[in-house]
Amino acid sequence: MLKNLKINNFVIINKLEINFNKGLTLFTGETGAGKSIIIDALGLTLGDRADTTMIGNNGNNAIIEAEFKLLPENKEMNEIIEKYDLPVEDDEINIRREVFKSGKSRVFFNDALLPISALKVIGNNLVEMHGQHDNQRILNSKNHLEYLDNYLPNDNKKENYFKIYTQFNKQYKDYVNLLKNRESFLQALELKIFHYNELSKIDPQKDELDNLIAELNILENSQKLVELSNDIATNIYENDESILSEIQNLHQKLKEINSIDNKNESLLREMDSVLISIGEIGQTLASYRDSIPHDNDRFEWLQERVGRINYLMRKYNRSYDELCEYYKLLKQEINEGTDFDSRLKSSKEKLELLRNKLQKAAIELHDQREQTAEKFSQNIKKKLLKLGMKDTNFRVEFSNKLASNDKYIKFKNEKVIPKNNGIDEIEFQIITNVGESYKPLVKVASGGEISRIMLAIKTVLAGADSIGTLIFDEIDSGVSGKIGRIVGEHIESLTKFHQVLCITHLPQIASLGKNHIFVDKFVEGKRTMTKVKVLNKEERIKEIASLLSGKNITNVTMQNAKELLEK
């Protein structure tokens, strides 16, 4: 619900603040006084497109601020608030829109910056505007399904259909891509097989290259390794004058010293360890020397294998680990892709399974829509009768589009196109005179009739949405007198479910509701500006009398105005 609107430096409004209440609020005033400008200002806080021509002459920017009471049951609104982590306290929100002469515009949601795209979603869930331009919406049959679906029972048939359709649509695309890309897929598979066969000749294994290079390095330097290890082993261990022999002599002398003076016991133990360590080193190097390979055939094989691996690494521009992974991946893809027809068959089977599920869901949704359409049509006819269209008949005409490819489901022995909202194409049709046949709404309804049809639909759907505020901007155009009063009563009936703001020139409508705001313009200096006034009962009577007779207000028109207000 809209609680407050502040407008600063917007078109001819210098500074304006309006408080709003529940129920029906009427706006009246002369043409050009600024009634629609107020609604346009509110529209900016709801995400309408900003224009620098909207900025008044009292500064470089226009600021419009609207305060709302948030509806907790509004799911889409809550999702936006959660997505952008917007601050909300006590279910109240404040939206401030600033428009600058530079062309820039910014939005604040409870003082937190908000993208314009998100503001549009929020605005659509806070306020719904109806005016002469909205009548064009009802003439477009593309919107009719949306109207009908708003009247559907909340039993998840539509959500269930959409869930299955999403799965079906994805599977259909996968299947079509398989068909479309079969030739290129087979060509790619042929190249993969070639690569795999080439790599399989060396069958690269993880960590193998490092081991091959290490072994090749040993064979390549075997003579040098023998000479070096032999020299060490001989000098340490095998010669009569070896290091080990010398240390053994020294060890014996230290032993004699210790027999005389045992203070050197620890040194003797350390020399024992040295003898053992040097002996082990000599033995180990001797064994190593004797084990060094001298296999020329192995050496040549290693050179050839390492060379082939390096060649393939350069060819495929991969490191050795990457080459091993590529080889493994090729094997997997070839195993999966060699039987393309099996993949195609499997994809087709999945598609048919989903097609059957989608067909069942589509028929259930269609049947529900048909039943709902009958009830919807009857209620619309009742409302139109009350709105003075007594010879009018209304119906919802169903049709389907036939499919020209494999994206279809069967319906009434025909292949029809499934869409994300079902298989139904619907159009509102009407008869306005006895003896005529049903025709599309656009071909038979006049401007005044369209306004009443729009109001009838909105009245029927009143309890089906969570929009807090409805605005009717001269939707009473084309009606007058008794019918105007009935139109007003229907607008007022919407206050059971919504806050309603209505701009009108009809006294029969202006006399309804509890809240009446008069919009006037005045000249200050050389500037024309807008002001508003909340009318009390006596002021309302005078304003309604003015709407009845213009400037020539008489006692009779005052009495008529009073009677209208008291009805």
Protein backbone atom coordinates (compact mmCIF):
# COMPACT_ATOMS: atom_id res chain seq x y z
CA MET A 1 0.00 0.00 0.00
CA LEU A 2 1.22 3.50 -0.88
CA LYS A 3 1.50 5.61 2.29
CA ASN A 4 3.28 8.77 1.22
CA LEU A 5 4.57 10.48 -1.94
CA LYS A 6 7.05 13.36 -2.01
CA ILE A 7 7.81 15.19 -5.27
CA ASN A 8 10.53 17.80 -5.70
CA ASN A 9 11.29 19.83 -8.86
CA PHE A 10 9.37 17.54 -11.19
CA VAL A 11 7.88 19.20 -14.33
CA ILE A 12 5.57 21.91 -12.92
CA ILE A 13 5.57 20.53 -9.38
CA ASN A 14 8.02 22.48 -7.24
CA LYS A 15 7.46 20.71 -3.93
CA LEU A 16 4.60 18.41 -3.05
CA GLU A 17 3.81 15.82 -0.40
CA ILE A 18 0.70 13.62 -0.31
CA ASN A 19 -0.33 11.16 2.39
CA PHE A 20 -2.50 8.25 1.31
CA ASN A 21 -4.98 6.06 3.16
CA LYS A 22 -6.61 2.72 2.53
CA GLY A 23 -9.66 2.44 0.30
CA LEU A 24 -10.48 4.58 -2.73
CA THR A 25 -8.74 7.92 -3.24
CA LEU A 26 -10.11 10.21 -5.98
CA PHE A 27 -8.10 12.82 -7.89
CA THR A 28 -9.96 15.59 -9.67
CA GLY A 29 -8.97 18.89 -11.18
CA GLU A 30 -8.91 20.71 -14.49
CA THR A 31 -7.14 19.20 -17.48
CA GLY A 32 -3.45 20.13 -17.30
CA ALA A 33 -3.52 20.83 -13.57
CA GLY A 34 -1.01 18.06 -12.92
CA LYS A 35 -3.02 14.96 -11.98
CA SER A 36 -1.23 12.73 -14.49
CA ILE A 37 2.09 14.39 -13.60
CA ILE A 38 1.66 13.11 -10.04
CA ILE A 39 1.06 9.61 -11.39
CA ASP A 40 4.09 9.96 -13.71
CA ALA A 41 6.21 10.96 -10.72
CA LEU A 42 5.06 7.87 -8.86
CA GLY A 43 5.83 5.83 -11.98
CA LEU A 44 9.49 6.90 -11.74
CA THR A 45 9.74 5.33 -8.29
CA LEU A 46 8.32 2.15 -9.81
CA GLY A 47 10.91 1.87 -12.57
CA ASP A 48 9.52 3.96 -15.44
CA ARG A 49 12.06 5.45 -17.82
CA ALA A 50 13.57 8.75 -16.69
CA ASP A 51 13.84 11.79 -18.96
CA THR A 52 15.75 15.04 -18.32
CA THR A 53 12.71 17.02 -19.55
CA MET A 54 10.99 15.89 -16.34
CA ILE A 55 13.33 18.07 -14.27
CA GLY A 56 11.78 21.39 -13.24
CA ASN A 57 13.38 24.81 -13.17
CA ASN A 58 14.28 24.80 -9.49
CA GLY A 59 17.57 22.89 -9.59
CA ASN A 60 19.65 20.36 -11.49
CA ASN A 61 17.73 17.30 -10.40
CA ALA A 62 14.29 15.93 -9.62
CA ILE A 63 13.69 13.79 -6.54
CA ILE A 64 10.64 11.60 -6.03
CA GLU A 65 10.22 9.57 -2.87
CA ALA A 66 7.48 6.99 -2.22
CA GLU A 67 6.81 5.10 0.99
CA PHE A 68 4.99 1.76 0.93
CA LYS A 69 3.71 -0.81 3.34
CA LEU A 70 5.19 -4.08 2.11
CA LEU A 71 2.95 -7.09 1.50
CA PRO A 72 4.59 -10.12 3.17
CA GLU A 73 2.84 -12.62 0.87
CA ASN A 74 4.44 -11.10 -2.24
CA LYS A 75 6.86 -13.89 -3.21
CA GLU A 76 8.59 -12.15 -6.15
CA MET A 77 9.16 -9.03 -4.08
CA ASN A 78 10.69 -11.06 -1.26
CA GLU A 79 13.00 -12.80 -3.73
CA ILE A 80 14.34 -9.44 -4.97
CA ILE A 81 14.83 -8.20 -1.41
CA GLU A 82 16.76 -11.37 -0.57
CA LYS A 83 18.80 -11.32 -3.81
CA TYR A 84 20.08 -7.76 -3.27
CA ASP A 85 20.16 -8.04 0.53
CA LEU A 86 17.91 -4.99 0.86
CA PRO A 87 17.17 -3.61 4.33
CA VAL A 88 13.51 -3.82 5.39
CA GLU A 89 12.18 -2.89 8.81
CA ASP A 90 8.60 -3.34 10.02
CA ASP A 91 7.52 -4.30 6.48
CA GLU A 92 7.94 -0.70 5.29
CA ILE A 93 10.00 0.41 2.32
CA ASN A 94 11.07 3.79 1.03
CA ILE A 95 11.99 4.20 -2.64
CA ARG A 96 13.81 7.37 -3.71
CA ARG A 97 14.49 8.15 -7.37
CA GLU A 98 16.81 10.96 -8.37
CA VAL A 99 17.06 12.20 -11.96
CA PHE A 100 19.87 14.57 -12.99
CA LYS A 101 20.18 16.95 -15.93
CA SER A 102 23.31 15.05 -16.95
CA GLY A 103 20.99 12.19 -17.88
CA LYS A 104 22.01 10.01 -14.95
CA SER A 105 19.50 8.49 -12.60
CA ARG A 106 19.82 6.55 -9.38
CA VAL A 107 17.52 4.64 -7.04
CA PHE A 108 17.63 4.04 -3.29
CA PHE A 109 15.67 1.32 -1.53
CA ASN A 110 15.59 2.18 2.18
CA ASP A 111 18.77 4.19 1.49
CA ALA A 112 20.49 1.23 -0.21
CA LEU A 113 21.44 1.64 -3.89
CA LEU A 114 19.31 -0.50 -6.20
CA PRO A 115 19.67 -1.32 -9.94
CA ILE A 116 16.92 0.09 -12.17
CA SER A 117 16.20 -3.41 -13.51
CA ALA A 118 15.41 -4.63 -9.98
CA LEU A 119 13.31 -1.51 -9.33
CA LYS A 120 11.09 -2.42 -12.28
CA VAL A 121 10.36 -5.83 -10.77
CA ILE A 122 9.62 -4.25 -7.39
CA GLY A 123 7.42 -1.59 -8.97
CA ASN A 124 5.38 -4.17 -10.88
CA ASN A 125 4.63 -5.89 -7.58
CA LEU A 126 3.76 -2.77 -5.62
CA VAL A 127 1.52 -0.86 -8.00
CA GLU A 128 -0.54 -1.70 -11.06
CA MET A 129 -1.55 1.20 -13.31
CA HIS A 130 -4.51 1.25 -15.64
CA GLY A 131 -5.23 3.96 -18.16
CA GLN A 132 -6.24 4.43 -21.77
CA HIS A 133 -2.89 2.95 -22.88
CA ASP A 134 -3.59 -0.16 -20.79
CA ASN A 135 -6.72 -0.76 -22.83
CA GLN A 136 -4.42 -1.54 -25.74
CA ARG A 137 -3.00 -4.37 -23.68
CA ILE A 138 -6.32 -6.12 -23.46
CA LEU A 139 -6.75 -5.82 -27.23
CA ASN A 140 -3.56 -7.81 -27.78
CA SER A 141 -4.43 -11.51 -27.69
CA LYS A 142 -0.86 -12.35 -26.63
CA ASN A 143 -1.81 -11.06 -23.16
CA HIS A 144 -5.05 -12.97 -22.83
CA LEU A 145 -3.50 -16.19 -21.53
CA GLU A 146 -1.88 -14.23 -18.71
CA TYR A 147 -5.29 -12.83 -17.70
CA LEU A 148 -6.85 -16.28 -17.68
CA ASP A 149 -3.96 -17.91 -15.82
CA ASN A 150 -4.32 -15.36 -13.03
CA TYR A 151 -7.73 -16.97 -12.41
CA LEU A 152 -6.45 -20.55 -12.26
CA PRO A 153 -6.67 -22.52 -9.00
CA ASN A 154 -3.39 -22.65 -7.14
CA ASP A 155 -2.79 -26.40 -7.50
CA ASN A 156 0.67 -26.33 -9.19
CA LYS A 157 -0.46 -27.74 -12.56
CA LYS A 158 1.18 -24.85 -14.38
CA GLU A 159 4.38 -25.11 -12.30
CA ASN A 160 4.51 -28.88 -12.86
CA TYR A 161 4.09 -28.41 -16.61
CA PHE A 162 6.89 -25.80 -16.72
CA LYS A 163 9.26 -28.08 -14.79
CA ILE A 164 8.71 -30.95 -17.25
CA TYR A 165 8.83 -28.60 -20.25
CA THR A 166 12.27 -27.34 -19.14
CA GLN A 167 13.56 -30.92 -19.04
CA PHE A 168 11.91 -31.76 -22.38
CA ASN A 169 13.27 -28.64 -24.06
CA LYS A 170 16.83 -29.38 -22.91
CA GLN A 171 16.59 -33.00 -24.07
CA TYR A 172 15.15 -31.91 -27.43
CA LYS A 173 18.08 -29.53 -27.97
CA ASP A 174 20.54 -32.30 -27.08
CA TYR A 175 18.87 -34.67 -29.53
CA VAL A 176 18.77 -32.09 -32.33
CA ASN A 177 22.43 -31.25 -31.76
CA LEU A 178 23.33 -34.91 -32.06
CA LEU A 179 21.50 -35.13 -35.38
CA LYS A 180 22.86 -31.85 -36.66
CA ASN A 181 26.43 -32.56 -35.64
CA ARG A 182 26.57 -36.22 -36.62
CA GLU A 183 28.88 -35.72 -39.60
CA SER A 184 31.21 -33.35 -37.79
CA PHE A 185 31.09 -35.62 -34.74
CA LEU A 186 32.14 -38.62 -36.79
CA GLN A 187 34.92 -36.60 -38.40
CA ALA A 188 36.11 -35.50 -34.97
CA LEU A 189 35.88 -39.10 -33.77
CA GLU A 190 38.01 -40.24 -36.70
CA LEU A 191 40.70 -37.69 -35.75
CA LYS A 192 40.54 -38.82 -32.13
CA ILE A 193 41.02 -42.44 -33.20
CA PHE A 194 44.05 -41.40 -35.27
CA HIS A 195 45.58 -39.57 -32.31
CA TYR A 196 44.82 -42.46 -29.99
CA ASN A 197 46.39 -45.02 -32.32
CA GLU A 198 49.51 -42.89 -32.62
CA LEU A 199 49.81 -42.50 -28.86
CA SER A 200 48.94 -46.14 -28.18
CA LYS A 201 52.14 -47.18 -30.00
CA ILE A 202 54.12 -45.75 -27.09
CA ASP A 203 51.35 -46.26 -24.48
CA PRO A 204 52.61 -43.44 -22.20
CA GLN A 205 52.25 -44.14 -18.50
CA LYS A 206 52.25 -41.66 -15.63
CA ASP A 207 55.78 -40.79 -14.27
CA GLU A 208 57.42 -43.06 -16.87
CA LEU A 209 59.42 -40.35 -18.67
CA ASP A 210 61.34 -39.31 -15.55
CA ASN A 211 62.31 -42.94 -14.92
CA LEU A 212 63.37 -43.45 -18.55
CA ILE A 213 65.56 -40.34 -18.53
CA ALA A 214 67.18 -41.40 -15.24
CA GLU A 215 67.96 -44.87 -16.60
CA LEU A 216 69.25 -43.45 -19.91
CA ASN A 217 71.54 -41.10 -18.01
CA ILE A 218 73.05 -44.05 -16.11
CA LEU A 219 73.69 -46.12 -19.25
CA GLU A 220 75.06 -43.13 -21.07
CA ASN A 221 77.63 -42.54 -18.24
CA SER A 222 78.20 -46.16 -17.16
CA GLN A 223 81.98 -46.17 -17.86
CA LYS A 224 82.48 -43.00 -15.90
CA LEU A 225 80.39 -44.34 -13.02
CA VAL A 226 82.49 -47.57 -12.96
CA GLU A 227 85.75 -45.66 -12.90
CA LEU A 228 84.68 -43.27 -10.15
CA SER A 229 83.10 -45.93 -7.91
CA ASN A 230 86.07 -48.30 -8.43
CA ASP A 231 88.54 -45.58 -7.46
CA ILE A 232 86.61 -44.84 -4.29
CA ALA A 233 86.09 -48.52 -3.37
CA THR A 234 89.79 -49.36 -3.98
CA ASN A 235 91.17 -46.48 -1.95
CA ILE A 236 88.75 -46.94 0.91
CA TYR A 237 88.47 -50.68 1.16
CA GLU A 238 90.34 -52.95 -1.27
CA ASN A 239 94.07 -51.89 -1.33
CA ASP A 240 96.61 -53.02 1.25
CA GLU A 241 97.32 -49.35 1.91
CA SER A 242 93.64 -48.40 1.87
CA ILE A 243 92.09 -45.76 4.12
CA LEU A 244 90.42 -48.52 6.07
CA SER A 245 93.82 -50.20 6.79
CA GLU A 246 95.32 -46.92 7.97
CA ILE A 247 92.40 -46.25 10.30
CA GLN A 248 92.64 -49.81 11.66
CA ASN A 249 96.32 -49.14 12.58
CA LEU A 250 95.34 -45.88 14.25
CA HIS A 251 92.51 -47.66 16.04
CA GLN A 252 95.02 -50.21 17.49
CA LYS A 253 97.24 -47.39 18.85
CA LEU A 254 94.26 -45.67 20.47
CA LYS A 255 93.31 -48.97 22.02
CA GLU A 256 96.78 -49.25 23.62
CA ILE A 257 96.46 -45.70 24.96
CA ASN A 258 93.11 -46.58 26.48
CA SER A 259 94.53 -49.68 28.16
CA ILE A 260 96.93 -47.43 30.05
CA ASP A 261 94.57 -44.45 30.57
CA ASN A 262 90.86 -45.18 30.13
CA LYS A 263 89.97 -41.51 29.96
CA ASN A 264 89.83 -41.95 26.14
CA GLU A 265 87.14 -44.61 26.22
CA SER A 266 84.67 -42.40 24.35
CA LEU A 267 87.16 -41.66 21.58
CA LEU A 268 87.74 -45.38 21.14
CA ARG A 269 84.01 -45.95 20.72
CA GLU A 270 83.80 -43.16 18.14
CA MET A 271 86.69 -44.69 16.16
CA ASP A 272 84.89 -48.06 16.29
CA SER A 273 81.94 -46.36 14.56
CA VAL A 274 84.23 -44.75 11.97
CA LEU A 275 85.73 -48.16 11.09
CA ILE A 276 82.26 -49.66 10.64
CA SER A 277 81.01 -46.70 8.51
CA ILE A 278 84.08 -46.61 6.22
CA GLY A 279 83.90 -50.38 5.80
CA GLU A 280 80.25 -50.18 4.80
CA ILE A 281 80.93 -47.33 2.35
CA GLY A 282 83.69 -49.32 0.69
CA GLN A 283 81.57 -52.48 0.44
CA THR A 284 78.55 -50.56 -0.90
CA LEU A 285 80.54 -48.75 -3.59
CA ALA A 286 82.20 -52.01 -4.62
CA SER A 287 78.77 -53.62 -4.99
CA TYR A 288 77.48 -50.53 -6.88
CA ARG A 289 80.47 -50.70 -9.25
CA ASP A 290 79.83 -54.34 -9.99
CA SER A 291 76.09 -53.71 -10.63
CA ILE A 292 76.42 -50.86 -13.17
CA PRO A 293 74.75 -52.08 -16.41
CA HIS A 294 76.51 -52.17 -19.78
CA ASP A 295 73.49 -53.02 -22.06
CA ASN A 296 73.88 -51.35 -25.47
CA ASP A 297 70.56 -52.76 -26.75
CA ARG A 298 68.74 -51.28 -23.74
CA PHE A 299 70.58 -48.01 -24.23
CA GLU A 300 69.46 -47.78 -27.87
CA TRP A 301 65.85 -48.69 -26.93
CA LEU A 302 65.75 -46.00 -24.26
CA GLN A 303 67.08 -43.38 -26.66
CA GLU A 304 64.46 -44.29 -29.24
CA ARG A 305 61.54 -44.27 -26.74
CA VAL A 306 62.50 -40.97 -25.09
CA GLY A 307 62.95 -39.46 -28.56
CA ARG A 308 59.47 -40.64 -29.68
CA ILE A 309 57.88 -39.31 -26.50
CA ASN A 310 59.56 -35.90 -26.94
CA TYR A 311 58.41 -35.82 -30.57
CA LEU A 312 54.76 -36.44 -29.57
CA MET A 313 54.98 -33.88 -26.77
CA ARG A 314 56.08 -31.29 -29.33
CA LYS A 315 53.48 -32.42 -31.88
CA TYR A 316 50.55 -32.16 -29.46
CA ASN A 317 52.04 -29.19 -27.62
CA ARG A 318 51.59 -30.87 -24.26
CA SER A 319 53.76 -31.67 -21.29
CA TYR A 320 54.28 -35.36 -20.55
CA ASP A 321 51.61 -35.38 -17.82
CA GLU A 322 49.19 -33.60 -20.18
CA LEU A 323 50.01 -36.10 -22.92
CA CYS A 324 49.15 -39.00 -20.57
CA GLU A 325 45.84 -37.31 -19.63
CA TYR A 326 45.01 -36.69 -23.30
CA TYR A 327 45.72 -40.34 -24.09
CA LYS A 328 43.43 -41.43 -21.25
CA LEU A 329 40.69 -38.99 -22.36
CA LEU A 330 40.89 -40.15 -25.98
CA LYS A 331 40.40 -43.73 -24.88
CA GLN A 332 37.32 -42.77 -22.87
CA GLU A 333 35.77 -40.61 -25.63
CA ILE A 334 36.41 -43.25 -28.28
CA ASN A 335 34.75 -45.90 -26.14
CA GLU A 336 31.74 -43.60 -25.66
CA GLY A 337 31.59 -42.33 -29.22
CA THR A 338 32.27 -45.32 -31.44
CA ASP A 339 28.61 -46.36 -31.21
CA PHE A 340 27.04 -43.05 -32.26
CA ASP A 341 23.75 -44.69 -33.19
CA SER A 342 23.42 -46.02 -29.66
CA ARG A 343 23.87 -42.50 -28.29
CA LEU A 344 21.29 -41.20 -30.73
CA LYS A 345 18.89 -43.98 -29.80
CA SER A 346 19.37 -43.33 -26.09
CA SER A 347 18.77 -39.60 -26.56
CA LYS A 348 15.63 -40.31 -28.57
CA GLU A 349 14.30 -42.66 -25.89
CA LYS A 350 14.82 -40.01 -23.19
CA LEU A 351 13.06 -37.46 -25.41
CA GLU A 352 10.06 -39.73 -25.92
CA LEU A 353 9.81 -40.45 -22.21
CA LEU A 354 9.73 -36.72 -21.45
CA ARG A 355 7.34 -36.11 -24.36
CA ASN A 356 4.82 -38.48 -22.79
CA LYS A 357 5.18 -36.82 -19.39
CA LEU A 358 4.85 -33.36 -20.96
CA GLN A 359 1.81 -34.44 -22.97
CA LYS A 360 0.04 -35.60 -19.81
CA ALA A 361 0.90 -32.36 -17.96
CA ALA A 362 -0.15 -30.21 -20.94
CA ILE A 363 -3.54 -31.89 -21.23
CA GLU A 364 -4.14 -31.53 -17.49
CA LEU A 365 -3.29 -27.82 -17.70
CA HIS A 366 -5.44 -27.36 -20.81
CA ASP A 367 -8.44 -29.07 -19.20
CA GLN A 368 -8.03 -26.90 -16.12
CA ARG A 369 -7.87 -23.79 -18.30
CA GLU A 370 -11.01 -24.77 -20.19
CA GLN A 371 -12.94 -25.28 -16.95
CA THR A 372 -11.57 -22.02 -15.57
CA ALA A 373 -12.38 -20.19 -18.84
CA GLU A 374 -16.05 -21.14 -18.52
CA LYS A 375 -16.26 -19.77 -14.99
CA PHE A 376 -14.17 -16.73 -15.98
CA SER A 377 -16.42 -15.95 -18.96
CA GLN A 378 -19.61 -16.24 -16.91
CA ASN A 379 -18.24 -13.85 -14.28
CA ILE A 380 -17.09 -11.39 -16.94
CA LYS A 381 -20.56 -11.43 -18.52
CA LYS A 382 -22.15 -10.72 -15.14
CA LYS A 383 -19.84 -7.77 -14.58
CA LEU A 384 -20.43 -6.42 -18.10
CA LEU A 385 -24.19 -6.66 -17.55
CA LYS A 386 -23.83 -4.51 -14.44
CA LEU A 387 -21.64 -2.10 -16.41
CA GLY A 388 -24.45 -1.47 -18.89
CA MET A 389 -23.39 -3.93 -21.61
CA LYS A 390 -26.55 -6.05 -21.34
CA ASP A 391 -26.45 -7.63 -24.81
CA THR A 392 -22.79 -8.56 -24.51
CA ASN A 393 -21.54 -12.12 -24.55
CA PHE A 394 -17.96 -13.02 -23.75
CA ARG A 395 -15.98 -16.20 -24.31
CA VAL A 396 -12.43 -17.55 -24.32
CA GLU A 397 -11.51 -19.18 -27.63
CA PHE A 398 -8.84 -21.89 -27.51
CA SER A 399 -6.52 -22.91 -30.34
CA ASN A 400 -3.12 -24.54 -30.85
CA LYS A 401 -0.22 -24.12 -33.22
CA LEU A 402 0.71 -27.18 -35.26
CA ALA A 403 4.31 -28.37 -35.06
CA SER A 404 6.56 -28.65 -38.10
CA ASN A 405 9.42 -30.54 -36.45
CA ASP A 406 10.09 -33.06 -33.69
CA LYS A 407 9.35 -30.55 -30.96
CA TYR A 408 5.72 -31.52 -30.48
CA ILE A 409 3.26 -33.31 -28.27
CA LYS A 410 0.09 -35.01 -29.41
CA PHE A 411 -3.19 -33.29 -28.66
CA LYS A 412 -6.53 -34.31 -30.17
CA ASN A 413 -4.77 -36.47 -32.78
CA GLU A 414 -2.57 -33.60 -33.91
CA LYS A 415 1.04 -32.66 -33.29
CA VAL A 416 1.06 -29.28 -31.55
CA ILE A 417 3.86 -27.00 -30.36
CA PRO A 418 4.53 -27.02 -26.60
CA LYS A 419 5.64 -23.69 -25.13
CA ASN A 420 6.93 -22.82 -21.70
CA ASN A 421 3.38 -21.89 -20.60
CA GLY A 422 1.51 -24.78 -22.22
CA ILE A 423 0.02 -25.64 -25.60
CA ASP A 424 -2.84 -23.16 -25.54
CA GLU A 425 -3.32 -20.10 -27.72
CA ILE A 426 -6.31 -18.17 -26.43
CA GLU A 427 -8.23 -15.11 -27.52
CA PHE A 428 -11.01 -13.18 -25.85
CA GLN A 429 -14.01 -12.92 -28.14
CA ILE A 430 -17.16 -10.89 -27.72
CA ILE A 431 -20.64 -10.21 -29.06
CA THR A 432 -21.94 -6.71 -28.32
CA ASN A 433 -25.26 -6.87 -30.18
CA VAL A 434 -27.99 -9.49 -30.42
CA GLY A 435 -27.80 -11.60 -33.59
CA GLU A 436 -24.08 -11.13 -34.19
CA SER A 437 -21.44 -13.84 -34.06
CA TYR A 438 -18.39 -13.93 -31.84
CA LYS A 439 -15.49 -11.83 -33.05
CA PRO A 440 -12.10 -10.91 -31.59
CA LEU A 441 -12.24 -8.13 -29.00
CA VAL A 442 -10.17 -5.78 -31.15
CA LYS A 443 -12.66 -5.87 -34.01
CA VAL A 444 -15.90 -5.07 -32.22
CA ALA A 445 -15.33 -3.06 -29.03
CA SER A 446 -15.37 0.74 -28.84
CA GLY A 447 -13.12 2.75 -26.56
CA GLY A 448 -15.74 3.04 -23.82
CA GLU A 449 -16.56 -0.64 -24.07
CA ILE A 450 -12.89 -1.59 -23.81
CA SER A 451 -12.59 0.45 -20.61
CA ARG A 452 -15.52 -1.41 -19.12
CA ILE A 453 -14.25 -4.80 -20.29
CA MET A 454 -10.86 -4.02 -18.76
CA LEU A 455 -12.54 -3.04 -15.50
CA ALA A 456 -14.70 -6.18 -15.55
CA ILE A 457 -11.64 -8.38 -15.96
CA LYS A 458 -9.75 -6.55 -13.22
CA THR A 459 -12.76 -6.84 -10.90
CA VAL A 460 -13.07 -10.56 -11.53
CA LEU A 461 -9.34 -11.04 -10.92
CA ALA A 462 -9.26 -8.69 -7.90
CA GLY A 463 -8.62 -11.33 -5.28
CA ALA A 464 -6.17 -13.32 -7.37
CA ASP A 465 -3.07 -11.13 -7.07
CA SER A 466 -1.07 -9.54 -4.28
CA ILE A 467 -0.64 -6.07 -5.83
CA GLY A 468 -1.13 -3.57 -3.03
CA THR A 469 -2.16 -0.50 -5.04
CA LEU A 470 -4.22 -0.06 -8.22
CA ILE A 471 -4.27 3.23 -10.14
CA PHE A 472 -6.94 4.09 -12.69
CA ASP A 473 -5.96 7.09 -14.82
CA GLU A 474 -9.14 8.30 -16.55
CA ILE A 475 -10.23 4.74 -17.28
CA ASP A 476 -13.79 6.11 -17.23
CA SER A 477 -13.22 7.74 -20.63
CA GLY A 478 -16.11 7.07 -22.96
CA VAL A 479 -18.71 6.47 -20.24
CA SER A 480 -21.00 8.87 -18.44
CA GLY A 481 -24.14 9.22 -16.31
CA LYS A 482 -25.60 6.08 -14.81
CA ILE A 483 -22.96 3.82 -16.33
CA GLY A 484 -20.28 6.08 -14.93
CA ARG A 485 -21.67 5.50 -11.45
CA ILE A 486 -21.66 1.74 -11.99
CA VAL A 487 -18.07 1.92 -13.26
CA GLY A 488 -17.16 3.84 -10.12
CA GLU A 489 -18.86 1.28 -7.88
CA HIS A 490 -16.87 -1.48 -9.53
CA ILE A 491 -13.68 0.50 -8.99
CA GLU A 492 -14.67 0.99 -5.36
CA SER A 493 -15.39 -2.74 -4.98
CA LEU A 494 -11.71 -3.39 -5.67
CA THR A 495 -10.87 -1.77 -2.33
CA LYS A 496 -11.81 -5.07 -0.66
CA PHE A 497 -8.49 -6.37 -1.95
CA HIS A 498 -6.45 -3.29 -2.92
CA GLN A 499 -5.77 0.34 -2.22
CA VAL A 500 -7.19 2.22 -5.24
CA LEU A 501 -6.24 5.62 -6.67
CA CYS A 502 -8.47 7.00 -9.41
CA ILE A 503 -8.14 10.09 -11.63
CA THR A 504 -11.57 11.05 -12.94
CA HIS A 505 -13.66 13.81 -14.52
CA LEU A 506 -16.97 12.09 -13.76
CA PRO A 507 -18.93 13.39 -10.76
CA GLN A 508 -20.61 9.98 -10.43
CA ILE A 509 -17.18 8.46 -9.70
CA ALA A 510 -15.73 11.45 -7.82
CA SER A 511 -18.53 11.14 -5.26
CA LEU A 512 -17.39 7.65 -4.26
CA GLY A 513 -14.70 6.69 -1.79
CA LYS A 514 -13.61 8.43 1.38
CA ASN A 515 -10.53 10.29 0.19
CA HIS A 516 -10.69 13.12 -2.35
CA ILE A 517 -7.66 15.10 -3.53
CA PHE A 518 -8.12 18.20 -5.65
CA VAL A 519 -5.25 19.08 -7.99
CA ASP A 520 -4.89 22.68 -9.10
CA LYS A 521 -2.28 24.81 -10.84
CA PHE A 522 -1.34 28.39 -10.13
CA VAL A 523 1.07 31.00 -11.40
CA GLU A 524 3.79 32.30 -9.12
CA GLY A 525 5.95 34.98 -10.68
CA LYS A 526 6.29 33.74 -14.25
CA ARG A 527 6.06 30.06 -13.41
CA THR A 528 3.09 27.68 -13.46
CA MET A 529 3.05 25.24 -10.55
CA THR A 530 0.86 22.47 -9.18
CA LYS A 531 -0.64 22.15 -5.72
CA VAL A 532 -2.98 19.65 -4.08
CA LYS A 533 -5.62 19.86 -1.40
CA VAL A 534 -7.35 17.10 0.54
CA LEU A 535 -11.02 18.05 0.41
CA ASN A 536 -13.37 17.95 3.37
CA LYS A 537 -17.04 17.11 2.92
CA GLU A 538 -18.20 20.63 2.03
CA GLU A 539 -15.31 21.11 -0.39
CA ARG A 540 -16.10 17.75 -2.01
CA ILE A 541 -19.72 18.79 -2.56
CA LYS A 542 -18.55 21.98 -4.27
CA GLU A 543 -16.02 20.10 -6.45
CA ILE A 544 -18.61 17.48 -7.48
CA ALA A 545 -21.06 20.29 -8.30
CA SER A 546 -18.35 21.86 -10.46
CA LEU A 547 -17.91 18.56 -12.29
CA LEU A 548 -21.67 18.40 -12.84
CA SER A 549 -22.14 21.89 -14.26
CA GLY A 550 -18.76 23.48 -14.83
CA LYS A 551 -18.15 26.93 -13.37
CA ASN A 552 -21.85 27.75 -13.25
CA ILE A 553 -22.59 26.19 -9.86
CA THR A 554 -26.22 26.56 -8.72
CA ASN A 555 -28.18 25.45 -5.70
CA VAL A 556 -29.58 22.64 -7.81
CA THR A 557 -26.15 21.33 -8.78
CA MET A 558 -25.00 21.67 -5.17
CA GLN A 559 -28.00 19.62 -4.06
CA ASN A 560 -27.33 17.03 -6.76
CA ALA A 561 -23.71 16.85 -5.70
CA LYS A 562 -24.73 16.36 -2.07
CA GLU A 563 -27.12 13.57 -3.03
CA LEU A 564 -24.41 11.84 -5.09
CA LEU A 565 -22.02 12.00 -2.16
CA GLU A 566 -24.59 10.64 0.29
CA LYS A 567 -25.67 7.67 -1.83
